[in-house]
PDB file of all heavy atoms in Angstrom:
ATOM      1  N   SER A   1     -51.155  43.017 216.380  1.00  0.00           N
ATOM      2  CA  SER A   1     -51.320  41.550 216.551  1.00  0.00           C
ATOM      3  C   SER A   1     -52.811  41.198 216.470  1.00  0.00           C
ATOM      4  O   SER A   1     -53.693  42.051 216.639  1.00  0.00           O
ATOM      5  CB  SER A   1     -50.785  41.096 217.898  1.00  0.00           C
ATOM      6  OG  SER A   1     -51.582  41.551 218.950  1.00  0.00           O
ATOM      7  N   ARG A   2     -53.065  39.928 216.230  1.00  0.00           N
ATOM      8  CA  ARG A   2     -54.451  39.452 216.190  1.00  0.00           C
ATOM      9  C   ARG A   2     -55.114  39.599 217.564  1.00  0.00           C
ATOM     10  O   ARG A   2     -56.310  39.880 217.676  1.00  0.00           O
ATOM     11  CB  ARG A   2     -54.504  37.959 215.756  1.00  0.00           C
ATOM     12  CG  ARG A   2     -54.106  37.702 214.353  1.00  0.00           C
ATOM     13  CD  ARG A   2     -54.517  36.270 213.905  1.00  0.00           C
ATOM     14  NE  ARG A   2     -54.015  35.277 214.877  1.00  0.00           N
ATOM     15  CZ  ARG A   2     -52.870  34.592 214.712  1.00  0.00           C
ATOM     16  NH1 ARG A   2     -52.051  34.892 213.701  1.00  0.00           N
ATOM     17  NH2 ARG A   2     -52.519  33.699 215.603  1.00  0.00           N
ATOM     18  N   GLY A   3     -54.333  39.348 218.607  1.00  0.00           N
ATOM     19  CA  GLY A   3     -54.873  39.425 219.948  1.00  0.00           C
ATOM     20  C   GLY A   3     -55.458  40.806 220.316  1.00  0.00           C
ATOM     21  O   GLY A   3     -56.534  40.919 220.902  1.00  0.00           O
ATOM     22  N   ILE A   4     -54.739  41.836 219.855  1.00  0.00           N
ATOM     23  CA  ILE A   4     -55.227  43.207 220.120  1.00  0.00           C
ATOM     24  C   ILE A   4     -56.512  43.468 219.342  1.00  0.00           C
ATOM     25  O   ILE A   4     -57.457  44.085 219.824  1.00  0.00           O
ATOM     26  CB  ILE A   4     -54.136  44.247 219.808  1.00  0.00           C
ATOM     27  CG1 ILE A   4     -52.896  43.986 220.660  1.00  0.00           C
ATOM     28  CG2 ILE A   4     -54.677  45.663 220.012  1.00  0.00           C
ATOM     29  CD1 ILE A   4     -51.720  44.897 220.339  1.00  0.00           C
ATOM     30  N   ILE A   5     -56.537  42.964 218.114  1.00  0.00           N
ATOM     31  CA  ILE A   5     -57.752  43.146 217.275  1.00  0.00           C
ATOM     32  C   ILE A   5     -58.926  42.419 217.950  1.00  0.00           C
ATOM     33  O   ILE A   5     -60.053  42.926 217.974  1.00  0.00           O
ATOM     34  CB  ILE A   5     -57.485  42.613 215.852  1.00  0.00           C
ATOM     35  CG1 ILE A   5     -56.576  43.589 215.125  1.00  0.00           C
ATOM     36  CG2 ILE A   5     -58.812  42.422 215.111  1.00  0.00           C
ATOM     37  CD1 ILE A   5     -56.189  43.151 213.742  1.00  0.00           C
ATOM     38  N   GLY A   6     -58.655  41.238 218.504  1.00  0.00           N
ATOM     39  CA  GLY A   6     -59.719  40.539 219.224  1.00  0.00           C
ATOM     40  C   GLY A   6     -60.232  41.318 220.423  1.00  0.00           C
ATOM     41  O   GLY A   6     -61.428  41.351 220.708  1.00  0.00           O
ATOM     42  N   ALA A   7     -59.290  41.910 221.156  1.00  0.00           N
ATOM     43  CA  ALA A   7     -59.659  42.715 222.317  1.00  0.00           C
ATOM     44  C   ALA A   7     -60.481  43.942 221.905  1.00  0.00           C
ATOM     45  O   ALA A   7     -61.454  44.311 222.528  1.00  0.00           O
ATOM     46  CB  ALA A   7     -58.418  43.171 223.070  1.00  0.00           C
ATOM     47  N   MET A   8     -60.073  44.562 220.774  1.00  0.00           N
ATOM     48  CA  MET A   8     -60.847  45.702 220.283  1.00  0.00           C
ATOM     49  C   MET A   8     -62.235  45.284 219.880  1.00  0.00           C
ATOM     50  O   MET A   8     -63.203  46.008 220.105  1.00  0.00           O
ATOM     51  CB  MET A   8     -60.081  46.331 219.108  1.00  0.00           C
ATOM     52  CG  MET A   8     -58.779  47.021 219.490  1.00  0.00           C
ATOM     53  SD  MET A   8     -57.884  47.625 218.021  1.00  0.00           S
ATOM     54  CE  MET A   8     -59.029  48.844 217.414  1.00  0.00           C
ATOM     55  N   SER A   9     -62.315  44.126 219.221  1.00  0.00           N
ATOM     56  CA  SER A   9     -63.650  43.618 218.780  1.00  0.00           C
ATOM     57  C   SER A   9     -64.587  43.417 219.957  1.00  0.00           C
ATOM     58  O   SER A   9     -65.728  43.827 219.922  1.00  0.00           O
ATOM     59  CB  SER A   9     -63.432  42.290 218.036  1.00  0.00           C
ATOM     60  OG  SER A   9     -64.652  41.728 217.682  1.00  0.00           O
ATOM     61  N   LEU A  10     -64.054  42.826 221.011  1.00  0.00           N
ATOM     62  CA  LEU A  10     -64.870  42.600 222.228  1.00  0.00           C
ATOM     63  C   LEU A  10     -65.265  43.930 222.864  1.00  0.00           C
ATOM     64  O   LEU A  10     -66.418  44.118 223.252  1.00  0.00           O
ATOM     65  CB  LEU A  10     -64.092  41.756 223.227  1.00  0.00           C
ATOM     66  CG  LEU A  10     -64.796  41.401 224.541  1.00  0.00           C
ATOM     67  CD1 LEU A  10     -66.050  40.556 224.285  1.00  0.00           C
ATOM     68  CD2 LEU A  10     -63.845  40.675 225.492  1.00  0.00           C
ATOM     69  N   LEU A  11     -64.308  44.842 222.990  1.00  0.00           N
ATOM     70  CA  LEU A  11     -64.572  46.134 223.601  1.00  0.00           C
ATOM     71  C   LEU A  11     -65.610  46.918 222.819  1.00  0.00           C
ATOM     72  O   LEU A  11     -66.519  47.559 223.389  1.00  0.00           O
ATOM     73  CB  LEU A  11     -63.275  46.952 223.732  1.00  0.00           C
ATOM     74  CG  LEU A  11     -63.436  48.339 224.298  1.00  0.00           C
ATOM     75  CD1 LEU A  11     -63.919  48.309 225.771  1.00  0.00           C
ATOM     76  CD2 LEU A  11     -62.148  49.135 224.178  1.00  0.00           C
ATOM     77  N   ILE A  12     -65.542  46.916 221.506  1.00  0.00           N
ATOM     78  CA  ILE A  12     -66.495  47.630 220.672  1.00  0.00           C
ATOM     79  C   ILE A  12     -67.884  47.072 220.875  1.00  0.00           C
ATOM     80  O   ILE A  12     -68.889  47.788 220.911  1.00  0.00           O
ATOM     81  CB  ILE A  12     -66.069  47.621 219.197  1.00  0.00           C
ATOM     82  CG1 ILE A  12     -64.814  48.509 219.005  1.00  0.00           C
ATOM     83  CG2 ILE A  12     -67.216  48.104 218.294  1.00  0.00           C
ATOM     84  CD1 ILE A  12     -64.186  48.397 217.639  1.00  0.00           C
ATOM     85  N   ALA A  13     -67.985  45.743 221.006  1.00  0.00           N
ATOM     86  CA  ALA A  13     -69.269  45.137 221.249  1.00  0.00           C
ATOM     87  C   ALA A  13     -69.882  45.578 222.588  1.00  0.00           C
ATOM     88  O   ALA A  13     -71.050  45.919 222.672  1.00  0.00           O
ATOM     89  CB  ALA A  13     -69.175  43.589 221.224  1.00  0.00           C
ATOM     90  N   VAL A  14     -69.016  45.582 223.604  1.00  0.00           N
ATOM     91  CA  VAL A  14     -69.469  46.110 224.927  1.00  0.00           C
ATOM     92  C   VAL A  14     -69.912  47.551 224.826  1.00  0.00           C
ATOM     93  O   VAL A  14     -70.940  47.969 225.374  1.00  0.00           O
ATOM     94  CB  VAL A  14     -68.374  45.931 225.981  1.00  0.00           C
ATOM     95  CG1 VAL A  14     -68.736  46.588 227.269  1.00  0.00           C
ATOM     96  CG2 VAL A  14     -68.057  44.435 226.200  1.00  0.00           C
ATOM     97  N   SER A  15     -69.149  48.358 224.057  1.00  0.00           N
ATOM     98  CA  SER A  15     -69.485  49.757 223.891  1.00  0.00           C
ATOM     99  C   SER A  15     -70.804  49.904 223.177  1.00  0.00           C
ATOM    100  O   SER A  15     -71.602  50.829 223.479  1.00  0.00           O
ATOM    101  CB  SER A  15     -68.389  50.449 223.074  1.00  0.00           C
ATOM    102  OG  SER A  15     -67.139  50.381 223.735  1.00  0.00           O
ATOM    103  N   ILE A  16     -71.101  49.072 222.212  1.00  0.00           N
ATOM    104  CA  ILE A  16     -72.389  49.113 221.501  1.00  0.00           C
ATOM    105  C   ILE A  16     -73.524  48.856 222.453  1.00  0.00           C
ATOM    106  O   ILE A  16     -74.583  49.479 222.387  1.00  0.00           O
ATOM    107  CB  ILE A  16     -72.378  48.103 220.312  1.00  0.00           C
ATOM    108  CG1 ILE A  16     -71.420  48.576 219.235  1.00  0.00           C
ATOM    109  CG2 ILE A  16     -73.796  47.935 219.735  1.00  0.00           C
ATOM    110  CD1 ILE A  16     -71.175  47.549 218.145  1.00  0.00           C
ATOM    111  N   LEU A  17     -73.328  47.894 223.359  1.00  0.00           N
ATOM    112  CA  LEU A  17     -74.358  47.601 224.337  1.00  0.00           C
ATOM    113  C   LEU A  17     -74.575  48.727 225.311  1.00  0.00           C
ATOM    114  O   LEU A  17     -75.681  48.904 225.858  1.00  0.00           O
ATOM    115  CB  LEU A  17     -74.011  46.309 225.096  1.00  0.00           C
ATOM    116  CG  LEU A  17     -73.982  45.034 224.238  1.00  0.00           C
ATOM    117  CD1 LEU A  17     -73.532  43.843 225.080  1.00  0.00           C
ATOM    118  CD2 LEU A  17     -75.299  44.725 223.594  1.00  0.00           C
ATOM    119  N   ILE A  18     -73.534  49.514 225.540  1.00  0.00           N
ATOM    120  CA  ILE A  18     -73.645  50.712 226.401  1.00  0.00           C
ATOM    121  C   ILE A  18     -74.350  51.828 225.620  1.00  0.00           C
ATOM    122  O   ILE A  18     -75.240  52.460 226.112  1.00  0.00           O
ATOM    123  CB  ILE A  18     -72.257  51.191 226.856  1.00  0.00           C
ATOM    124  CG1 ILE A  18     -71.619  50.148 227.746  1.00  0.00           C
ATOM    125  CG2 ILE A  18     -72.365  52.526 227.610  1.00  0.00           C
ATOM    126  CD1 ILE A  18     -70.150  50.442 228.058  1.00  0.00           C
ATOM    127  N   ARG A  19     -73.853  52.075 224.365  1.00  0.00           N
ATOM    128  CA  ARG A  19     -74.431  53.107 223.497  1.00  0.00           C
ATOM    129  C   ARG A  19     -74.309  52.665 222.070  1.00  0.00           C
ATOM    130  O   ARG A  19     -73.210  52.502 221.566  1.00  0.00           O
ATOM    131  CB  ARG A  19     -73.697  54.440 223.783  1.00  0.00           C
ATOM    132  CG  ARG A  19     -74.248  55.602 222.978  1.00  0.00           C
ATOM    133  CD  ARG A  19     -73.550  56.895 223.297  1.00  0.00           C
ATOM    134  NE  ARG A  19     -74.002  57.407 224.606  1.00  0.00           N
ATOM    135  CZ  ARG A  19     -73.548  58.585 225.087  1.00  0.00           C
ATOM    136  NH1 ARG A  19     -72.623  59.280 224.428  1.00  0.00           N
ATOM    137  NH2 ARG A  19     -74.015  59.047 226.238  1.00  0.00           N
ATOM    138  N   PRO A  20     -75.462  52.556 221.351  1.00  0.00           N
ATOM    139  CA  PRO A  20     -75.410  52.021 219.980  1.00  0.00           C
ATOM    140  C   PRO A  20     -74.573  52.876 219.014  1.00  0.00           C
ATOM    141  O   PRO A  20     -74.206  52.369 217.972  1.00  0.00           O
ATOM    142  CB  PRO A  20     -76.916  52.072 219.574  1.00  0.00           C
ATOM    143  CG  PRO A  20     -77.641  51.947 220.862  1.00  0.00           C
ATOM    144  CD  PRO A  20     -76.817  52.688 221.879  1.00  0.00           C
ATOM    145  N   ALA A  21     -74.261  54.120 219.353  1.00  0.00           N
ATOM    146  CA  ALA A  21     -73.399  54.941 218.483  1.00  0.00           C
ATOM    147  C   ALA A  21     -72.033  54.295 218.273  1.00  0.00           C
ATOM    148  O   ALA A  21     -71.352  54.597 217.300  1.00  0.00           O
ATOM    149  CB  ALA A  21     -73.236  56.340 219.080  1.00  0.00           C
ATOM    150  N   SER A  22     -71.693  53.347 219.131  1.00  0.00           N
ATOM    151  CA  SER A  22     -70.387  52.684 219.034  1.00  0.00           C
ATOM    152  C   SER A  22     -70.299  51.756 217.792  1.00  0.00           C
ATOM    153  O   SER A  22     -69.190  51.296 217.475  1.00  0.00           O
ATOM    154  CB  SER A  22     -70.099  51.862 220.281  1.00  0.00           C
ATOM    155  OG  SER A  22     -70.041  52.656 221.440  1.00  0.00           O
ATOM    156  N   TYR A  23     -71.379  51.534 217.111  1.00  0.00           N
ATOM    157  CA  TYR A  23     -71.324  50.799 215.872  1.00  0.00           C
ATOM    158  C   TYR A  23     -70.322  51.419 214.914  1.00  0.00           C
ATOM    159  O   TYR A  23     -69.675  50.753 214.123  1.00  0.00           O
ATOM    160  CB  TYR A  23     -72.684  50.703 215.186  1.00  0.00           C
ATOM    161  CG  TYR A  23     -73.532  49.538 215.685  1.00  0.00           C
ATOM    162  CD1 TYR A  23     -74.682  49.772 216.434  1.00  0.00           C
ATOM    163  CD2 TYR A  23     -73.203  48.233 215.379  1.00  0.00           C
ATOM    164  CE1 TYR A  23     -75.480  48.734 216.834  1.00  0.00           C
ATOM    165  CE2 TYR A  23     -73.991  47.165 215.800  1.00  0.00           C
ATOM    166  CZ  TYR A  23     -75.149  47.439 216.536  1.00  0.00           C
ATOM    167  OH  TYR A  23     -75.929  46.386 216.990  1.00  0.00           O
ATOM    168  N   ILE A  24     -70.165  52.737 215.005  1.00  0.00           N
ATOM    169  CA  ILE A  24     -69.288  53.454 214.075  1.00  0.00           C
ATOM    170  C   ILE A  24     -67.819  53.057 214.294  1.00  0.00           C
ATOM    171  O   ILE A  24     -67.000  53.191 213.378  1.00  0.00           O
ATOM    172  CB  ILE A  24     -69.461  54.989 214.234  1.00  0.00           C
ATOM    173  CG1 ILE A  24     -68.881  55.693 213.015  1.00  0.00           C
ATOM    174  CG2 ILE A  24     -68.811  55.473 215.523  1.00  0.00           C
ATOM    175  CD1 ILE A  24     -69.556  55.383 211.698  1.00  0.00           C
ATOM    176  N   PHE A  25     -67.488  52.561 215.502  1.00  0.00           N
ATOM    177  CA  PHE A  25     -66.114  52.177 215.772  1.00  0.00           C
ATOM    178  C   PHE A  25     -65.702  50.891 215.034  1.00  0.00           C
ATOM    179  O   PHE A  25     -64.512  50.556 215.030  1.00  0.00           O
ATOM    180  CB  PHE A  25     -65.877  52.026 217.261  1.00  0.00           C
ATOM    181  CG  PHE A  25     -66.113  53.292 218.022  1.00  0.00           C
ATOM    182  CD1 PHE A  25     -66.701  53.298 219.287  1.00  0.00           C
ATOM    183  CD2 PHE A  25     -65.719  54.528 217.477  1.00  0.00           C
ATOM    184  CE1 PHE A  25     -66.904  54.461 219.982  1.00  0.00           C
ATOM    185  CE2 PHE A  25     -65.934  55.721 218.179  1.00  0.00           C
ATOM    186  CZ  PHE A  25     -66.512  55.675 219.412  1.00  0.00           C
ATOM    187  N   ILE A  26     -66.669  50.213 214.407  1.00  0.00           N
ATOM    188  CA  ILE A  26     -66.325  49.055 213.577  1.00  0.00           C
ATOM    189  C   ILE A  26     -65.461  49.501 212.410  1.00  0.00           C
ATOM    190  O   ILE A  26     -64.649  48.729 211.897  1.00  0.00           O
ATOM    191  CB  ILE A  26     -67.602  48.362 213.078  1.00  0.00           C
ATOM    192  CG1 ILE A  26     -68.338  47.724 214.310  1.00  0.00           C
ATOM    193  CG2 ILE A  26     -67.305  47.268 212.087  1.00  0.00           C
ATOM    194  CD1 ILE A  26     -69.664  47.091 213.939  1.00  0.00           C
ATOM    195  N   VAL A  27     -65.606  50.786 212.004  1.00  0.00           N
ATOM    196  CA  VAL A  27     -64.704  51.343 210.942  1.00  0.00           C
ATOM    197  C   VAL A  27     -63.258  51.290 211.389  1.00  0.00           C
ATOM    198  O   VAL A  27     -62.379  50.905 210.599  1.00  0.00           O
ATOM    199  CB  VAL A  27     -65.142  52.800 210.669  1.00  0.00           C
ATOM    200  CG1 VAL A  27     -64.153  53.445 209.685  1.00  0.00           C
ATOM    201  CG2 VAL A  27     -66.563  52.845 210.090  1.00  0.00           C
ATOM    202  N   VAL A  28     -62.995  51.635 212.646  1.00  0.00           N
ATOM    203  CA  VAL A  28     -61.661  51.597 213.185  1.00  0.00           C
ATOM    204  C   VAL A  28     -61.158  50.161 213.269  1.00  0.00           C
ATOM    205  O   VAL A  28     -59.999  49.861 212.925  1.00  0.00           O
ATOM    206  CB  VAL A  28     -61.574  52.276 214.551  1.00  0.00           C
ATOM    207  CG1 VAL A  28     -60.154  52.229 215.114  1.00  0.00           C
ATOM    208  CG2 VAL A  28     -62.088  53.691 214.479  1.00  0.00           C
ATOM    209  N   LEU A  29     -62.014  49.232 213.715  1.00  0.00           N
ATOM    210  CA  LEU A  29     -61.659  47.853 213.763  1.00  0.00           C
ATOM    211  C   LEU A  29     -61.318  47.312 212.406  1.00  0.00           C
ATOM    212  O   LEU A  29     -60.293  46.564 212.236  1.00  0.00           O
ATOM    213  CB  LEU A  29     -62.827  47.017 214.373  1.00  0.00           C
ATOM    214  CG  LEU A  29     -62.676  45.512 214.464  1.00  0.00           C
ATOM    215  CD1 LEU A  29     -61.556  45.182 215.447  1.00  0.00           C
ATOM    216  CD2 LEU A  29     -63.977  44.860 214.885  1.00  0.00           C
ATOM    217  N   ALA A  30     -62.091  47.673 211.406  1.00  0.00           N
ATOM    218  CA  ALA A  30     -61.830  47.277 210.033  1.00  0.00           C
ATOM    219  C   ALA A  30     -60.501  47.814 209.525  1.00  0.00           C
ATOM    220  O   ALA A  30     -59.742  47.103 208.826  1.00  0.00           O
ATOM    221  CB  ALA A  30     -62.977  47.702 209.098  1.00  0.00           C
ATOM    222  N   ALA A  31     -60.178  49.060 209.888  1.00  0.00           N
ATOM    223  CA  ALA A  31     -58.904  49.652 209.465  1.00  0.00           C
ATOM    224  C   ALA A  31     -57.715  48.886 210.083  1.00  0.00           C
ATOM    225  O   ALA A  31     -56.722  48.614 209.434  1.00  0.00           O
ATOM    226  CB  ALA A  31     -58.884  51.115 209.872  1.00  0.00           C
ATOM    227  N   CYS A  32     -57.864  48.542 211.385  1.00  0.00           N
ATOM    228  CA  CYS A  32     -56.791  47.776 212.055  1.00  0.00           C
ATOM    229  C   CYS A  32     -56.640  46.390 211.421  1.00  0.00           C
ATOM    230  O   CYS A  32     -55.515  45.873 211.228  1.00  0.00           O
ATOM    231  CB  CYS A  32     -57.102  47.676 213.534  1.00  0.00           C
ATOM    232  SG  CYS A  32     -57.006  49.224 214.440  1.00  0.00           S
ATOM    233  N   ALA A  33     -57.754  45.769 211.119  1.00  0.00           N
ATOM    234  CA  ALA A  33     -57.738  44.446 210.483  1.00  0.00           C
ATOM    235  C   ALA A  33     -57.089  44.492 209.109  1.00  0.00           C
ATOM    236  O   ALA A  33     -56.311  43.598 208.728  1.00  0.00           O
ATOM    237  CB  ALA A  33     -59.145  43.870 210.363  1.00  0.00           C
ATOM    238  N   ALA A  34     -57.338  45.605 208.365  1.00  0.00           N
ATOM    239  CA  ALA A  34     -56.724  45.767 207.069  1.00  0.00           C
ATOM    240  C   ALA A  34     -55.197  45.944 207.192  1.00  0.00           C
ATOM    241  O   ALA A  34     -54.444  45.381 206.370  1.00  0.00           O
ATOM    242  CB  ALA A  34     -57.328  46.950 206.343  1.00  0.00           C
ATOM    243  N   ILE A  35     -54.768  46.647 208.188  1.00  0.00           N
ATOM    244  CA  ILE A  35     -53.329  46.818 208.432  1.00  0.00           C
ATOM    245  C   ILE A  35     -52.674  45.500 208.741  1.00  0.00           C
ATOM    246  O   ILE A  35     -51.619  45.130 208.225  1.00  0.00           O
ATOM    247  CB  ILE A  35     -53.091  47.818 209.571  1.00  0.00           C
ATOM    248  CG1 ILE A  35     -53.543  49.246 209.133  1.00  0.00           C
ATOM    249  CG2 ILE A  35     -51.622  47.859 209.965  1.00  0.00           C
ATOM    250  CD1 ILE A  35     -53.542  50.261 210.245  1.00  0.00           C
ATOM    251  N   GLN A  36     -53.328  44.713 209.614  1.00  0.00           N
ATOM    252  CA  GLN A  36     -52.788  43.415 210.053  1.00  0.00           C
ATOM    253  C   GLN A  36     -52.834  42.383 208.915  1.00  0.00           C
ATOM    254  O   GLN A  36     -51.992  41.534 208.827  1.00  0.00           O
ATOM    255  CB  GLN A  36     -53.593  42.884 211.267  1.00  0.00           C
ATOM    256  CG  GLN A  36     -53.111  41.589 211.841  1.00  0.00           C
ATOM    257  CD  GLN A  36     -51.721  41.704 212.487  1.00  0.00           C
ATOM    258  OE1 GLN A  36     -51.275  42.839 212.752  1.00  0.00           O
ATOM    259  NE2 GLN A  36     -51.073  40.586 212.732  1.00  0.00           N
ATOM    260  N   PHE A  37     -53.807  42.560 208.006  1.00  0.00           N
ATOM    261  CA  PHE A  37     -53.994  41.604 206.911  1.00  0.00           C
ATOM    262  C   PHE A  37     -52.807  41.517 206.008  1.00  0.00           C
ATOM    263  O   PHE A  37     -52.462  40.473 205.458  1.00  0.00           O
ATOM    264  CB  PHE A  37     -55.260  42.042 206.116  1.00  0.00           C
ATOM    265  CG  PHE A  37     -55.605  41.128 204.974  1.00  0.00           C
ATOM    266  CD1 PHE A  37     -56.331  39.994 205.197  1.00  0.00           C
ATOM    267  CD2 PHE A  37     -55.147  41.397 203.696  1.00  0.00           C
ATOM    268  CE1 PHE A  37     -56.693  39.141 204.169  1.00  0.00           C
ATOM    269  CE2 PHE A  37     -55.450  40.561 202.636  1.00  0.00           C
ATOM    270  CZ  PHE A  37     -56.227  39.411 202.867  1.00  0.00           C
ATOM    271  N   ILE A  38     -52.095  42.658 205.854  1.00  0.00           N
ATOM    272  CA  ILE A  38     -50.984  42.725 204.913  1.00  0.00           C
ATOM    273  C   ILE A  38     -49.871  41.739 205.309  1.00  0.00           C
ATOM    274  O   ILE A  38     -49.337  41.043 204.421  1.00  0.00           O
ATOM    275  CB  ILE A  38     -50.411  44.162 204.840  1.00  0.00           C
ATOM    276  CG1 ILE A  38     -51.499  45.128 204.345  1.00  0.00           C
ATOM    277  CG2 ILE A  38     -49.165  44.229 203.951  1.00  0.00           C
ATOM    278  CD1 ILE A  38     -51.085  46.591 204.426  1.00  0.00           C
ATOM    279  N   ASN A  39     -49.573  41.652 206.553  1.00  0.00           N
ATOM    280  CA  ASN A  39     -48.430  40.826 207.015  1.00  0.00           C
ATOM    281  C   ASN A  39     -48.899  39.560 207.761  1.00  0.00           C
ATOM    282  O   ASN A  39     -48.095  38.865 208.331  1.00  0.00           O
ATOM    283  CB  ASN A  39     -47.527  41.628 207.892  1.00  0.00           C
ATOM    284  CG  ASN A  39     -46.923  42.830 207.195  1.00  0.00           C
ATOM    285  OD1 ASN A  39     -46.529  42.728 206.048  1.00  0.00           O
ATOM    286  ND2 ASN A  39     -46.887  43.948 207.895  1.00  0.00           N
ATOM    287  N   GLU A  40     -50.205  39.321 207.694  1.00  0.00           N
ATOM    288  CA  GLU A  40     -50.759  38.178 208.459  1.00  0.00           C
ATOM    289  C   GLU A  40     -50.644  36.855 207.692  1.00  0.00           C
ATOM    290  O   GLU A  40     -51.004  36.818 206.481  1.00  0.00           O
ATOM    291  CB  GLU A  40     -52.179  38.432 208.817  1.00  0.00           C
ATOM    292  CG  GLU A  40     -52.871  37.327 209.608  1.00  0.00           C
ATOM    293  CD  GLU A  40     -52.256  37.069 210.938  1.00  0.00           C
ATOM    294  OE1 GLU A  40     -52.044  38.035 211.668  1.00  0.00           O
ATOM    295  OE2 GLU A  40     -51.988  35.881 211.249  1.00  0.00           O
ATOM    296  N   GLN A  41     -50.080  35.817 208.305  1.00  0.00           N
ATOM    297  CA  GLN A  41     -49.981  34.540 207.637  1.00  0.00           C
ATOM    298  C   GLN A  41     -51.282  33.722 207.794  1.00  0.00           C
ATOM    299  O   GLN A  41     -51.724  33.027 206.893  1.00  0.00           O
ATOM    300  CB  GLN A  41     -48.809  33.721 208.211  1.00  0.00           C
ATOM    301  CG  GLN A  41     -47.452  34.340 207.955  1.00  0.00           C
ATOM    302  CD  GLN A  41     -46.297  33.574 208.536  1.00  0.00           C
ATOM    303  OE1 GLN A  41     -46.512  32.710 209.393  1.00  0.00           O
ATOM    304  NE2 GLN A  41     -45.095  33.853 208.071  1.00  0.00           N
ATOM    305  N   HIS A  42     -51.890  33.825 208.967  1.00  0.00           N
ATOM    306  CA  HIS A  42     -53.134  33.064 209.239  1.00  0.00           C
ATOM    307  C   HIS A  42     -54.335  34.056 209.145  1.00  0.00           C
ATOM    308  O   HIS A  42     -54.864  34.513 210.149  1.00  0.00           O
ATOM    309  CB  HIS A  42     -53.054  32.428 210.608  1.00  0.00           C
ATOM    310  CG  HIS A  42     -51.843  31.570 210.810  1.00  0.00           C
ATOM    311  ND1 HIS A  42     -51.733  30.309 210.224  1.00  0.00           N
ATOM    312  CD2 HIS A  42     -50.697  31.764 211.494  1.00  0.00           C
ATOM    313  CE1 HIS A  42     -50.553  29.795 210.577  1.00  0.00           C
ATOM    314  NE2 HIS A  42     -49.916  30.677 211.351  1.00  0.00           N
ATOM    315  N   ARG A  43     -54.776  34.293 207.934  1.00  0.00           N
ATOM    316  CA  ARG A  43     -55.791  35.324 207.711  1.00  0.00           C
ATOM    317  C   ARG A  43     -57.159  34.891 208.172  1.00  0.00           C
ATOM    318  O   ARG A  43     -58.004  35.707 208.515  1.00  0.00           O
ATOM    319  CB  ARG A  43     -55.808  35.741 206.250  1.00  0.00           C
ATOM    320  CG  ARG A  43     -54.525  36.565 205.911  1.00  0.00           C
ATOM    321  CD  ARG A  43     -54.385  36.883 204.454  1.00  0.00           C
ATOM    322  NE  ARG A  43     -53.228  37.734 204.219  1.00  0.00           N
ATOM    323  CZ  ARG A  43     -52.788  38.104 202.988  1.00  0.00           C
ATOM    324  NH1 ARG A  43     -53.414  37.679 201.902  1.00  0.00           N
ATOM    325  NH2 ARG A  43     -51.723  38.867 202.896  1.00  0.00           N
ATOM    326  N   THR A  44     -57.389  33.591 208.134  1.00  0.00           N
ATOM    327  CA  THR A  44     -58.667  33.073 208.665  1.00  0.00           C
ATOM    328  C   THR A  44     -58.772  33.358 210.147  1.00  0.00           C
ATOM    329  O   THR A  44     -59.846  33.761 210.678  1.00  0.00           O
ATOM    330  CB  THR A  44     -58.812  31.569 208.390  1.00  0.00           C
ATOM    331  OG1 THR A  44     -58.755  31.338 206.980  1.00  0.00           O
ATOM    332  CG2 THR A  44     -60.178  31.089 208.906  1.00  0.00           C
ATOM    333  N   ARG A  45     -57.675  33.097 210.867  1.00  0.00           N
ATOM    334  CA  ARG A  45     -57.666  33.432 212.332  1.00  0.00           C
ATOM    335  C   ARG A  45     -57.860  34.907 212.568  1.00  0.00           C
ATOM    336  O   ARG A  45     -58.498  35.315 213.520  1.00  0.00           O
ATOM    337  CB  ARG A  45     -56.341  32.963 212.906  1.00  0.00           C
ATOM    338  CG  ARG A  45     -56.143  31.460 212.886  1.00  0.00           C
ATOM    339  CD  ARG A  45     -54.795  31.074 213.541  1.00  0.00           C
ATOM    340  NE  ARG A  45     -54.524  29.628 213.406  1.00  0.00           N
ATOM    341  CZ  ARG A  45     -53.437  29.051 213.867  1.00  0.00           C
ATOM    342  NH1 ARG A  45     -52.485  29.805 214.446  1.00  0.00           N
ATOM    343  NH2 ARG A  45     -53.248  27.749 213.724  1.00  0.00           N
ATOM    344  N   LEU A  46     -57.238  35.723 211.702  1.00  0.00           N
ATOM    345  CA  LEU A  46     -57.437  37.184 211.866  1.00  0.00           C
ATOM    346  C   LEU A  46     -58.921  37.523 211.697  1.00  0.00           C
ATOM    347  O   LEU A  46     -59.432  38.341 212.501  1.00  0.00           O
ATOM    348  CB  LEU A  46     -56.608  37.892 210.760  1.00  0.00           C
ATOM    349  CG  LEU A  46     -56.860  39.391 210.639  1.00  0.00           C
ATOM    350  CD1 LEU A  46     -56.475  40.127 211.936  1.00  0.00           C
ATOM    351  CD2 LEU A  46     -56.047  39.970 209.475  1.00  0.00           C
ATOM    352  N   ALA A  47     -59.581  36.965 210.705  1.00  0.00           N
ATOM    353  CA  ALA A  47     -60.999  37.268 210.524  1.00  0.00           C
ATOM    354  C   ALA A  47     -61.812  36.828 211.713  1.00  0.00           C
ATOM    355  O   ALA A  47     -62.748  37.551 212.171  1.00  0.00           O
ATOM    356  CB  ALA A  47     -61.502  36.555 209.277  1.00  0.00           C
TER     357      ALA A  47
END
C-alpha cells in the first residue's frame, strides 16, 4: 500500500540521520514503489 511506502520513506530518513549509510536503503524504497506502481491508480499520490 501507499501508506506502508510512506512509513518506509519516513523511517529511512530517520535512519539516515542516525547513520548516513542508510541512504542505500532508498534502493529498497524504490523497489517497493516500483512494485506498487504497477497496480496503483493514483500514481502521483504514490510518488
